[in-house]
C-alpha atoms as a PDB file:
ATOM      1  CA  UNK A   1     109.381  92.107 112.649  1.00  0.00           C
ATOM      2  CA  UNK A   2     108.036  88.971 114.344  1.00  0.00           C
ATOM      3  CA  UNK A   3     104.764  90.741 115.114  1.00  0.00           C
ATOM      4  CA  UNK A   4     104.424  91.976 111.523  1.00  0.00           C
ATOM      5  CA  UNK A   5     104.981  88.482 110.123  1.00  0.00           C
ATOM      6  CA  UNK A   6     102.412  86.883 112.423  1.00  0.00           C
ATOM      7  CA  UNK A   7      99.008  86.933 110.732  1.00  0.00           C
ATOM      8  CA  UNK A   8      96.485  88.395 113.123  1.00  0.00           C
ATOM      9  CA  UNK A   9      93.383  86.161 113.577  1.00  0.00           C
ATOM     10  CA  UNK A  10      90.993  89.114 113.313  1.00  0.00           C
ATOM     11  CA  UNK A  11      92.684  90.154 110.069  1.00  0.00           C
ATOM     12  CA  UNK A  12      92.266  86.650 108.625  1.00  0.00           C
ATOM     13  CA  UNK A  13      88.569  86.483 109.520  1.00  0.00           C
ATOM     14  CA  UNK A  14      87.886  89.852 107.935  1.00  0.00           C
ATOM     15  CA  UNK A  15      89.667  88.838 104.746  1.00  0.00           C
ATOM     16  CA  UNK A  16      87.482  85.721 104.474  1.00  0.00           C
ATOM     17  CA  UNK A  17      84.321  87.749 105.005  1.00  0.00           C
ATOM     18  CA  UNK A  18      85.279  90.086 102.153  1.00  0.00           C
ATOM     19  CA  UNK A  19      85.640  87.352  99.533  1.00  0.00           C
ATOM     20  CA  UNK A  20      81.895  86.990  98.716  1.00  0.00           C
ATOM     21  CA  UNK A  21      81.567  90.767  98.398  1.00  0.00           C
ATOM     22  CA  UNK A  22      84.458  90.993  95.962  1.00  0.00           C
ATOM     23  CA  UNK A  23      83.105  88.088  93.920  1.00  0.00           C
ATOM     24  CA  UNK A  24      80.002  90.179  93.211  1.00  0.00           C
ATOM     25  CA  UNK A  25      82.069  92.944  91.613  1.00  0.00           C
ATOM     26  CA  UNK A  26      82.826  92.985  87.905  1.00  0.00           C
ATOM     27  CA  UNK A  27      86.509  92.262  87.261  1.00  0.00           C
ATOM     28  CA  UNK A  28      87.419  95.290  85.168  1.00  0.00           C
ATOM     29  CA  UNK A  29      89.610  98.336  85.948  1.00  0.00           C
ATOM     30  CA  UNK A  30      88.130 101.741  86.712  1.00  0.00           C
ATOM     31  CA  UNK A  31      87.673 103.784  83.484  1.00  0.00           C
ATOM     32  CA  UNK A  32      90.430 106.429  83.123  1.00  0.00           C
ATOM     33  CA  UNK A  33      87.982 109.249  82.355  1.00  0.00           C
ATOM     34  CA  UNK A  34      86.595 109.169  85.911  1.00  0.00           C
ATOM     35  CA  UNK A  35      88.917 111.719  87.549  1.00  0.00           C
ATOM     36  CA  UNK A  36      87.278 112.823  90.835  1.00  0.00           C
ATOM     37  CA  UNK A  37      86.354 110.322  93.514  1.00  0.00           C
ATOM     38  CA  UNK A  38      85.161 110.026  97.100  1.00  0.00           C
ATOM     39  CA  UNK A  39      85.754 106.859  99.072  1.00  0.00           C
ATOM     40  CA  UNK A  40      84.872 105.063 102.297  1.00  0.00           C
ATOM     41  CA  UNK A  41      86.860 102.226 103.845  1.00  0.00           C
ATOM     42  CA  UNK A  42      86.266  99.894 106.791  1.00  0.00           C
ATOM     43  CA  UNK A  43      88.138  96.877 108.046  1.00  0.00           C
ATOM     44  CA  UNK A  44      90.343  95.329 110.703  1.00  0.00           C
ATOM     45  CA  UNK A  45      93.963  95.352 111.704  1.00  0.00           C
ATOM     46  CA  UNK A  46      96.480  95.349 114.525  1.00  0.00           C
ATOM     47  CA  UNK A  47      98.589  97.897 116.384  1.00  0.00           C
ATOM     48  CA  UNK A  48     102.137  96.546 116.063  1.00  0.00           C
ATOM     49  CA  UNK A  49     103.906  99.107 118.252  1.00  0.00           C
ATOM     50  CA  UNK A  50     106.386  97.849 120.820  1.00  0.00           C
ATOM     51  CA  UNK A  51     105.533  98.098 124.532  1.00  0.00           C
ATOM     52  CA  UNK A  52     105.236 100.414 126.406  1.00  0.00           C
ATOM     53  CA  UNK A  53     103.629 102.240 123.460  1.00  0.00           C
ATOM     54  CA  UNK A  54      99.861 102.826 123.841  1.00  0.00           C
ATOM     55  CA  UNK A  55      97.773 100.079 122.249  1.00  0.00           C
ATOM     56  CA  UNK A  56     100.806  97.849 121.677  1.00  0.00           C
ATOM     57  CA  UNK A  57     100.059  94.411 120.212  1.00  0.00           C
ATOM     58  CA  UNK A  58      96.250  94.855 120.175  1.00  0.00           C
ATOM     59  CA  UNK A  59      93.629  94.003 117.568  1.00  0.00           C
ATOM     60  CA  UNK A  60      91.877  97.025 116.070  1.00  0.00           C
ATOM     61  CA  UNK A  61      89.151  98.215 113.738  1.00  0.00           C
ATOM     62  CA  UNK A  62      89.966 100.676 110.957  1.00  0.00           C
ATOM     63  CA  UNK A  63      87.974 103.240 108.983  1.00  0.00           C
ATOM     64  CA  UNK A  64      88.761 105.997 106.506  1.00  0.00           C
ATOM     65  CA  UNK A  65      87.290 108.683 104.270  1.00  0.00           C
ATOM     66  CA  UNK A  66      89.088 110.045 101.223  1.00  0.00           C
ATOM     67  CA  UNK A  67      88.811 112.532  98.366  1.00  0.00           C
ATOM     68  CA  UNK A  68      91.007 112.333  95.299  1.00  0.00           C
ATOM     69  CA  UNK A  69      91.708 113.493  91.780  1.00  0.00           C
ATOM     70  CA  UNK A  70      93.292 111.557  88.942  1.00  0.00           C
ATOM     71  CA  UNK A  71      95.668 113.811  86.966  1.00  0.00           C
ATOM     72  CA  UNK A  72      96.765 111.231  84.404  1.00  0.00           C
ATOM     73  CA  UNK A  73      95.782 107.625  83.657  1.00  0.00           C
ATOM     74  CA  UNK A  74      98.567 106.509  86.001  1.00  0.00           C
ATOM     75  CA  UNK A  75      98.854 109.169  88.734  1.00  0.00           C
ATOM     76  CA  UNK A  76      96.420 110.511  91.322  1.00  0.00           C
ATOM     77  CA  UNK A  77      96.553 112.589  94.501  1.00  0.00           C
ATOM     78  CA  UNK A  78      94.160 113.126  97.377  1.00  0.00           C
ATOM     79  CA  UNK A  79      93.425 113.552 101.086  1.00  0.00           C
ATOM     80  CA  UNK A  80      92.680 110.761 103.545  1.00  0.00           C
ATOM     81  CA  UNK A  81      91.094 111.010 106.986  1.00  0.00           C
ATOM     82  CA  UNK A  82      91.294 107.757 108.924  1.00  0.00           C
ATOM     83  CA  UNK A  83      91.450 106.045 112.284  1.00  0.00           C
ATOM     84  CA  UNK A  84      92.772 102.846 113.850  1.00  0.00           C
ATOM     85  CA  UNK A  85      90.922 101.988 117.062  1.00  0.00           C
ATOM     86  CA  UNK A  86      92.027  99.121 119.358  1.00  0.00           C
ATOM     87  CA  UNK A  87      89.145  96.842 120.371  1.00  0.00           C
ATOM     88  CA  UNK A  88      90.446  96.438 123.935  1.00  0.00           C
ATOM     89  CA  UNK A  89      92.035  98.638 126.571  1.00  0.00           C
ATOM     90  CA  UNK A  90      90.915 102.023 127.885  1.00  0.00           C
ATOM     91  CA  UNK A  91      90.918 105.383 126.120  1.00  0.00           C
ATOM     92  CA  UNK A  92      92.398 107.773 128.706  1.00  0.00           C
ATOM     93  CA  UNK A  93      95.920 108.048 130.069  1.00  0.00           C
ATOM     94  CA  UNK A  94      96.323 106.517 133.556  1.00  0.00           C
ATOM     95  CA  UNK A  95      92.874 104.926 133.204  1.00  0.00           C
ATOM     96  CA  UNK A  96      94.070 101.461 134.221  1.00  0.00           C
ATOM     97  CA  UNK A  97      96.394  99.816 136.700  1.00  0.00           C
ATOM     98  CA  UNK A  98      99.378 100.259 134.361  1.00  0.00           C
ATOM     99  CA  UNK A  99     100.359 102.283 131.299  1.00  0.00           C
ATOM    100  CA  UNK A 100      99.914  99.193 129.102  1.00  0.00           C
ATOM    101  CA  UNK A 101      96.118  99.453 129.630  1.00  0.00           C
ATOM    102  CA  UNK A 102      96.043 102.740 127.690  1.00  0.00           C
ATOM    103  CA  UNK A 103      94.890 102.044 124.118  1.00  0.00           C
ATOM    104  CA  UNK A 104      93.633 105.210 122.377  1.00  0.00           C
ATOM    105  CA  UNK A 105      92.323 105.537 118.843  1.00  0.00           C
ATOM    106  CA  UNK A 106      94.941 106.857 116.421  1.00  0.00           C
ATOM    107  CA  UNK A 107      93.655 109.290 113.820  1.00  0.00           C
ATOM    108  CA  UNK A 108      95.451 110.530 110.731  1.00  0.00           C
ATOM    109  CA  UNK A 109      95.080 113.232 108.092  1.00  0.00           C
ATOM    110  CA  UNK A 110      97.308 112.524 105.104  1.00  0.00           C
ATOM    111  CA  UNK A 111      98.023 113.886 101.654  1.00  0.00           C
ATOM    112  CA  UNK A 112      98.780 110.949  99.381  1.00  0.00           C
ATOM    113  CA  UNK A 113     100.030 110.134  95.929  1.00  0.00           C
ATOM    114  CA  UNK A 114      98.727 107.068  94.139  1.00  0.00           C
ATOM    115  CA  UNK A 115     100.208 105.109  91.238  1.00  0.00           C
ATOM    116  CA  UNK A 116      97.629 103.392  89.051  1.00  0.00           C
ATOM    117  CA  UNK A 117      99.281 101.221  86.371  1.00  0.00           C
ATOM    118  CA  UNK A 118      97.269 101.748  83.210  1.00  0.00           C
ATOM    119  CA  UNK A 119      94.649  99.123  82.331  1.00  0.00           C
ATOM    120  CA  UNK A 120      94.955  97.635  85.803  1.00  0.00           C
ATOM    121  CA  UNK A 121      93.016  97.867  89.040  1.00  0.00           C
ATOM    122  CA  UNK A 122      96.246  97.872  91.058  1.00  0.00           C
ATOM    123  CA  UNK A 123      96.696 100.830  93.440  1.00  0.00           C
ATOM    124  CA  UNK A 124     100.069 101.717  95.024  1.00  0.00           C
ATOM    125  CA  UNK A 125      99.901 104.575  97.521  1.00  0.00           C
ATOM    126  CA  UNK A 126     102.147 106.566  99.860  1.00  0.00           C
ATOM    127  CA  UNK A 127     101.064 109.428 102.103  1.00  0.00           C
ATOM    128  CA  UNK A 128     102.405 111.848 104.694  1.00  0.00           C
ATOM    129  CA  UNK A 129     100.629 114.092 107.192  1.00  0.00           C
ATOM    130  CA  UNK A 130      99.588 114.312 110.836  1.00  0.00           C
ATOM    131  CA  UNK A 131      98.931 111.450 113.243  1.00  0.00           C
ATOM    132  CA  UNK A 132      97.004 112.182 116.444  1.00  0.00           C
ATOM    133  CA  UNK A 133      95.632 110.496 119.555  1.00  0.00           C
ATOM    134  CA  UNK A 134      93.552 111.800 122.451  1.00  0.00           C
ATOM    135  CA  UNK A 135      94.480 110.965 126.047  1.00  0.00           C
ATOM    136  CA  UNK A 136      91.802 112.960 127.906  1.00  0.00           C
ATOM    137  CA  UNK A 137      88.174 113.339 126.765  1.00  0.00           C
ATOM    138  CA  UNK A 138      84.551 113.902 127.802  1.00  0.00           C
ATOM    139  CA  UNK A 139      81.121 112.938 126.480  1.00  0.00           C
ATOM    140  CA  UNK A 140      79.008 115.699 124.922  1.00  0.00           C
ATOM    141  CA  UNK A 141      75.292 114.894 124.723  1.00  0.00           C
ATOM    142  CA  UNK A 142      74.488 117.117 121.719  1.00  0.00           C
ATOM    143  CA  UNK A 143      77.788 116.952 119.835  1.00  0.00           C
ATOM    144  CA  UNK A 144      77.772 116.187 116.119  1.00  0.00           C
ATOM    145  CA  UNK A 145      79.149 112.738 115.302  1.00  0.00           C
ATOM    146  CA  UNK A 146      80.157 110.782 112.189  1.00  0.00           C
ATOM    147  CA  UNK A 147      76.863 108.913 112.534  1.00  0.00           C
ATOM    148  CA  UNK A 148      75.008 112.214 112.125  1.00  0.00           C
ATOM    149  CA  UNK A 149      77.036 113.011 109.004  1.00  0.00           C
ATOM    150  CA  UNK A 150      76.167 109.648 107.468  1.00  0.00           C
ATOM    151  CA  UNK A 151      72.484 110.103 108.277  1.00  0.00           C
ATOM    152  CA  UNK A 152      72.445 113.477 106.515  1.00  0.00           C
ATOM    153  CA  UNK A 153      73.818 111.778 103.392  1.00  0.00           C
ATOM    154  CA  UNK A 154      71.261 108.954 103.365  1.00  0.00           C
ATOM    155  CA  UNK A 155      68.219 110.701 104.906  1.00  0.00           C
ATOM    156  CA  UNK A 156      67.148 114.023 103.375  1.00  0.00           C
ATOM    157  CA  UNK A 157      64.863 114.778 106.349  1.00  0.00           C
ATOM    158  CA  UNK A 158      67.361 113.952 109.094  1.00  0.00           C
ATOM    159  CA  UNK A 159      68.138 117.581 109.956  1.00  0.00           C
ATOM    160  CA  UNK A 160      64.442 118.251 110.553  1.00  0.00           C
ATOM    161  CA  UNK A 161      64.221 115.435 113.121  1.00  0.00           C
ATOM    162  CA  UNK A 162      67.168 116.310 115.358  1.00  0.00           C
ATOM    163  CA  UNK A 163      68.131 119.218 117.561  1.00  0.00           C
ATOM    164  CA  UNK A 164      71.916 119.241 117.523  1.00  0.00           C
ATOM    165  CA  UNK A 165      73.909 116.035 117.233  1.00  0.00           C
ATOM    166  CA  UNK A 166      73.308 112.562 118.647  1.00  0.00           C
ATOM    167  CA  UNK A 167      76.254 112.844 121.035  1.00  0.00           C
ATOM    168  CA  UNK A 168      79.970 112.108 120.743  1.00  0.00           C
ATOM    169  CA  UNK A 169      83.218 112.023 122.669  1.00  0.00           C
ATOM    170  CA  UNK A 170      85.141 115.280 122.614  1.00  0.00           C
ATOM    171  CA  UNK A 171      88.898 115.483 123.138  1.00  0.00           C
ATOM    172  CA  UNK A 172      90.298 117.696 125.912  1.00  0.00           C
ATOM    173  CA  UNK A 173      94.002 116.851 125.485  1.00  0.00           C
ATOM    174  CA  UNK A 174      95.824 115.196 122.599  1.00  0.00           C
ATOM    175  CA  UNK A 175      99.254 114.557 121.081  1.00  0.00           C
ATOM    176  CA  UNK A 176     100.246 115.062 117.439  1.00  0.00           C
ATOM    177  CA  UNK A 177     103.174 113.901 115.337  1.00  0.00           C
ATOM    178  CA  UNK A 178     104.347 113.650 111.766  1.00  0.00           C
ATOM    179  CA  UNK A 179     103.108 110.382 110.320  1.00  0.00           C
ATOM    180  CA  UNK A 180     102.999 108.447 107.106  1.00  0.00           C
ATOM    181  CA  UNK A 181     101.548 105.382 105.430  1.00  0.00           C
ATOM    182  CA  UNK A 182     102.084 103.064 102.481  1.00  0.00           C
ATOM    183  CA  UNK A 183      99.529 100.718 100.952  1.00  0.00           C
ATOM    184  CA  UNK A 184      98.824  98.340  98.101  1.00  0.00           C
ATOM    185  CA  UNK A 185      95.317  97.619  96.876  1.00  0.00           C
ATOM    186  CA  UNK A 186      93.165  96.456  93.996  1.00  0.00           C
ATOM    187  CA  UNK A 187      89.820  97.730  92.713  1.00  0.00           C
ATOM    188  CA  UNK A 188      86.987  96.311  90.639  1.00  0.00           C
ATOM    189  CA  UNK A 189      84.382  98.322  88.780  1.00  0.00           C
ATOM    190  CA  UNK A 190      80.782  97.414  89.663  1.00  0.00           C
ATOM    191  CA  UNK A 191      78.405  96.724  86.790  1.00  0.00           C
ATOM    192  CA  UNK A 192      76.462  99.658  85.297  1.00  0.00           C
ATOM    193  CA  UNK A 193      77.464 102.199  87.970  1.00  0.00           C
ATOM    194  CA  UNK A 194      80.279 104.749  88.528  1.00  0.00           C
ATOM    195  CA  UNK A 195      81.265 102.861  91.674  1.00  0.00           C
ATOM    196  CA  UNK A 196      84.273 100.665  92.352  1.00  0.00           C
ATOM    197  CA  UNK A 197      85.044  98.264  95.180  1.00  0.00           C
ATOM    198  CA  UNK A 198      88.407  97.087  96.395  1.00  0.00           C
ATOM    199  CA  UNK A 199      90.698  95.814  99.109  1.00  0.00           C
ATOM    200  CA  UNK A 200      93.712  97.588 100.585  1.00  0.00           C
ATOM    201  CA  UNK A 201      96.581  96.439 102.773  1.00  0.00           C
ATOM    202  CA  UNK A 202      98.106  99.412 104.606  1.00  0.00           C
ATOM    203  CA  UNK A 203     100.888 100.139 107.079  1.00  0.00           C
ATOM    204  CA  UNK A 204     101.133 103.401 109.033  1.00  0.00           C
ATOM    205  CA  UNK A 205     103.744 104.814 111.387  1.00  0.00           C
ATOM    206  CA  UNK A 206     104.422 107.906 113.509  1.00  0.00           C
ATOM    207  CA  UNK A 207     106.872 108.953 116.208  1.00  0.00           C
ATOM    208  CA  UNK A 208     105.405 110.708 119.259  1.00  0.00           C
ATOM    209  CA  UNK A 209     107.560 112.651 121.715  1.00  0.00           C
ATOM    210  CA  UNK A 210     107.270 112.116 125.452  1.00  0.00           C
ATOM    211  CA  UNK A 211     105.478 114.358 127.943  1.00  0.00           C
ATOM    212  CA  UNK A 212     107.300 114.761 131.293  1.00  0.00           C
ATOM    213  CA  UNK A 213     104.308 116.626 132.759  1.00  0.00           C
ATOM    214  CA  UNK A 214     102.117 113.522 132.853  1.00  0.00           C
ATOM    215  CA  UNK A 215     104.758 110.805 132.604  1.00  0.00           C
ATOM    216  CA  UNK A 216     103.866 109.691 129.087  1.00  0.00           C
ATOM    217  CA  UNK A 217     106.935 108.189 127.367  1.00  0.00           C
ATOM    218  CA  UNK A 218     108.061 108.822 123.804  1.00  0.00           C
ATOM    219  CA  UNK A 219     107.049 105.989 121.504  1.00  0.00           C
ATOM    220  CA  UNK A 220     106.756 104.860 117.919  1.00  0.00           C
ATOM    221  CA  UNK A 221     103.278 104.017 116.639  1.00  0.00           C
ATOM    222  CA  UNK A 222     102.867 101.302 114.007  1.00  0.00           C
ATOM    223  CA  UNK A 223      99.734  99.635 112.660  1.00  0.00           C
ATOM    224  CA  UNK A 224      98.769  97.291 109.819  1.00  0.00           C
ATOM    225  CA  UNK A 225      95.211  97.185 108.421  1.00  0.00           C
ATOM    226  CA  UNK A 226      93.227  95.317 105.781  1.00  0.00           C
ATOM    227  CA  UNK A 227      90.162  97.236 104.578  1.00  0.00           C
ATOM    228  CA  UNK A 228      87.293  96.979 102.130  1.00  0.00           C
ATOM    229  CA  UNK A 229      86.753 100.170 100.118  1.00  0.00           C
ATOM    230  CA  UNK A 230      83.799 101.660  98.285  1.00  0.00           C
ATOM    231  CA  UNK A 231      84.670 104.455  95.870  1.00  0.00           C
ATOM    232  CA  UNK A 232      82.250 106.727  93.988  1.00  0.00           C
ATOM    233  CA  UNK A 233      83.869 108.094  90.847  1.00  0.00           C
END
């Protein structure tokens, strides 16, 4: 609890950087008739797991992609693909002098429900799904990466200029567990466009079992993030 109550310096800096961006948005809730959406989020946070959990007490960056559908003016559901990546430590098990050096990226795939109080930009969300981290990996020179996917979206000729992907890390061994998250956020509709912007404070958790074969202990993963979101309705 002490770690959760201590405001992380990286989290504070990111929140200050977001203020000018949010000031540019028009302060009005998203119109209820816009039912489908796709969203992108990026921000900062902290892994608040207790040692000897991987990545314990480290600053992190966070990113997510989501697709959703609004069934009623107040209720929506969707899928979220996200990651929390510590900014320090190493990415493979037994890569350092002690187990505390191991700080992998934690990915998640969640199905979520979202409460949207009518005539408000407030967003209350809870999700459940799979949490995953990789503890052994290799670099593939021609693997397809998220960067390649973004370039395809923004550059119509990108596929004609590349042969395969730009390269990415590929996982050889990973662990999975049931995970969940809760979040509270607020959104503003941008002027003259079906796009909204917002901020979201999220907490995620998962419980991973141990692995006697490689000496990895069981541990509970916890992380808190603050992200800026762009949503296309």
